[in-house]
Amino acid sequence: MKIYDELVARGLIAQVTDEEEITELVNNGKATFYIGFDPTADSLHVGHFMALCLMKRLQIAGNKPVVLLGGGTGMIGDPSGRTDLRTMMTPEIIQHNIECFKKQMERFIEFADDKAIMVNNADWLGKLNYIEMLREVGPHFSVNNMLRAECYKQRMEKGLSFLELNYMIMQSYDFYHLFQHYGCNMQFGGDDQWSNMLGGTELIRRKLGKNAYAMTITLLMNSEGNKMGKTAKGAVWLDPNKTSPFEFFQYWRNIGDADVLKCIRMLTFLPLEQIDEMDKWEGSQLNEAKEILAYELTKMIHGEEEAEKAKSAAHALFAGGADDSNMPTTEIAVEQLSAGVINIVDLMLVCSMAASKSEVRRLIQQGGVYVDEAKVESIDHNITSDELQNGVKIRKGKKTYHKALLKN
């Protein structure tokens, strides 16, 4: 099976500008393609992971990835899918985040022997003269068309700033620059980037009279129509210091039955023939599929050793075992106790096991909270400093575990 057919079979392709040309390019290893990553945090997250997997698949098929780090566009902030203005980052924070991204990306993409390149758009966007930029690029963008773009719709309700309006122009200029200087003939990105990507292909056509192509990746959504990769603590990060390998494993182990085979198909490198057989699985077999998904993704992100540890820790917990060495743990300072105790509601919030006190209260009232496997019967339940000294194991529902330990 050719790579384009495999991408289709895995459900990864959302929209393309010219399917025939794109198929020809990627199947014959002739695509030099880029995906942009704005450094909005000091770690990549699950949303980025899907793009990295696509890059890896295409690189294996002989195509050349260009990793674009948004040191320049990060100064503006992408309004796509936003209802509020992004927090402005300092150049120092942006540079720190870029360095973090670089280290993580090198686990996925092979950069040796010019098989891939990494660039920072601050290197050219930062040198642009404003008046020259307006004259060179401005005439090729219709404000009416820009305001109809999907990436601006949500921001229009609360007021789209002139700063954000420029984002599409900056991203389009990136493609124009990469086409000229690196022979980059394709851009890939999330489906919410479609309008920005079309801006780039159109700018290249108008300025250079040549064709470039764009393809969007299906966004990772669950069966309820919500973006995947979020927990009560926020994003599921690829940095083990922000989301531990055990937490990462558990996130995928606990996804819904309706989503597991889709995630295996889109995110893992298991052969399609094997996944097609798994499509017939049902009942308890779906739990086995979830464990396969969790293991494969944890191995890709954190390595085989950490994947084995997370799998063993999960088995030990669900079997009622005592091994909690790999369980997510929060240290509780003495100052967080009152008269030597801390209320279970407060403790679960400190441990980021829920988003609000009302959520914890509801869980307790529904019988879904356990401390050392004893059901918490009341929202007035307190944990003592002596208990925390030895460490207490908190369970939310059937599958979410956390350990709270008194800080020495």
Foldseek 3Di string as FASTA:
>chain_A
DFLVVLCVVLQWFDDKDDVVVVSVCQSQQNAAEEEEDELLDLFAFPQVLLVLQVQLSSLVSNHEYEYEYELPLNQLDQQAPHLDGDDGDDSVRRVNSVVSHVVQSVLRDPPPPNSYYYYYLCVPVVPDDVVVLCVLQVVQDDVVVLCPQNRCVSNVVVHDDPSNSCSLVSLLVVLLVCCVPPVRQEYEEAPSCVSSRVSNQSSCCVNPVDGGMYIYTYFCAAPVGHGPQADLLGGHGLDCVSQNLLNQLLSLLPGDLRRLLSCCSSRAPPDPVVSVVLVPDDDPVSSVSSNVSSLRVSCSRPNNVSSVVSSVCQVCVLVVHDDCPRAAEDADEPVCADPQKDFPLVVCVSSSVHNDSVVVQVQLCVQFKDKSNHTRNHSRDIDGLVDQCVWIWMGGHNRHIYIYHYDD
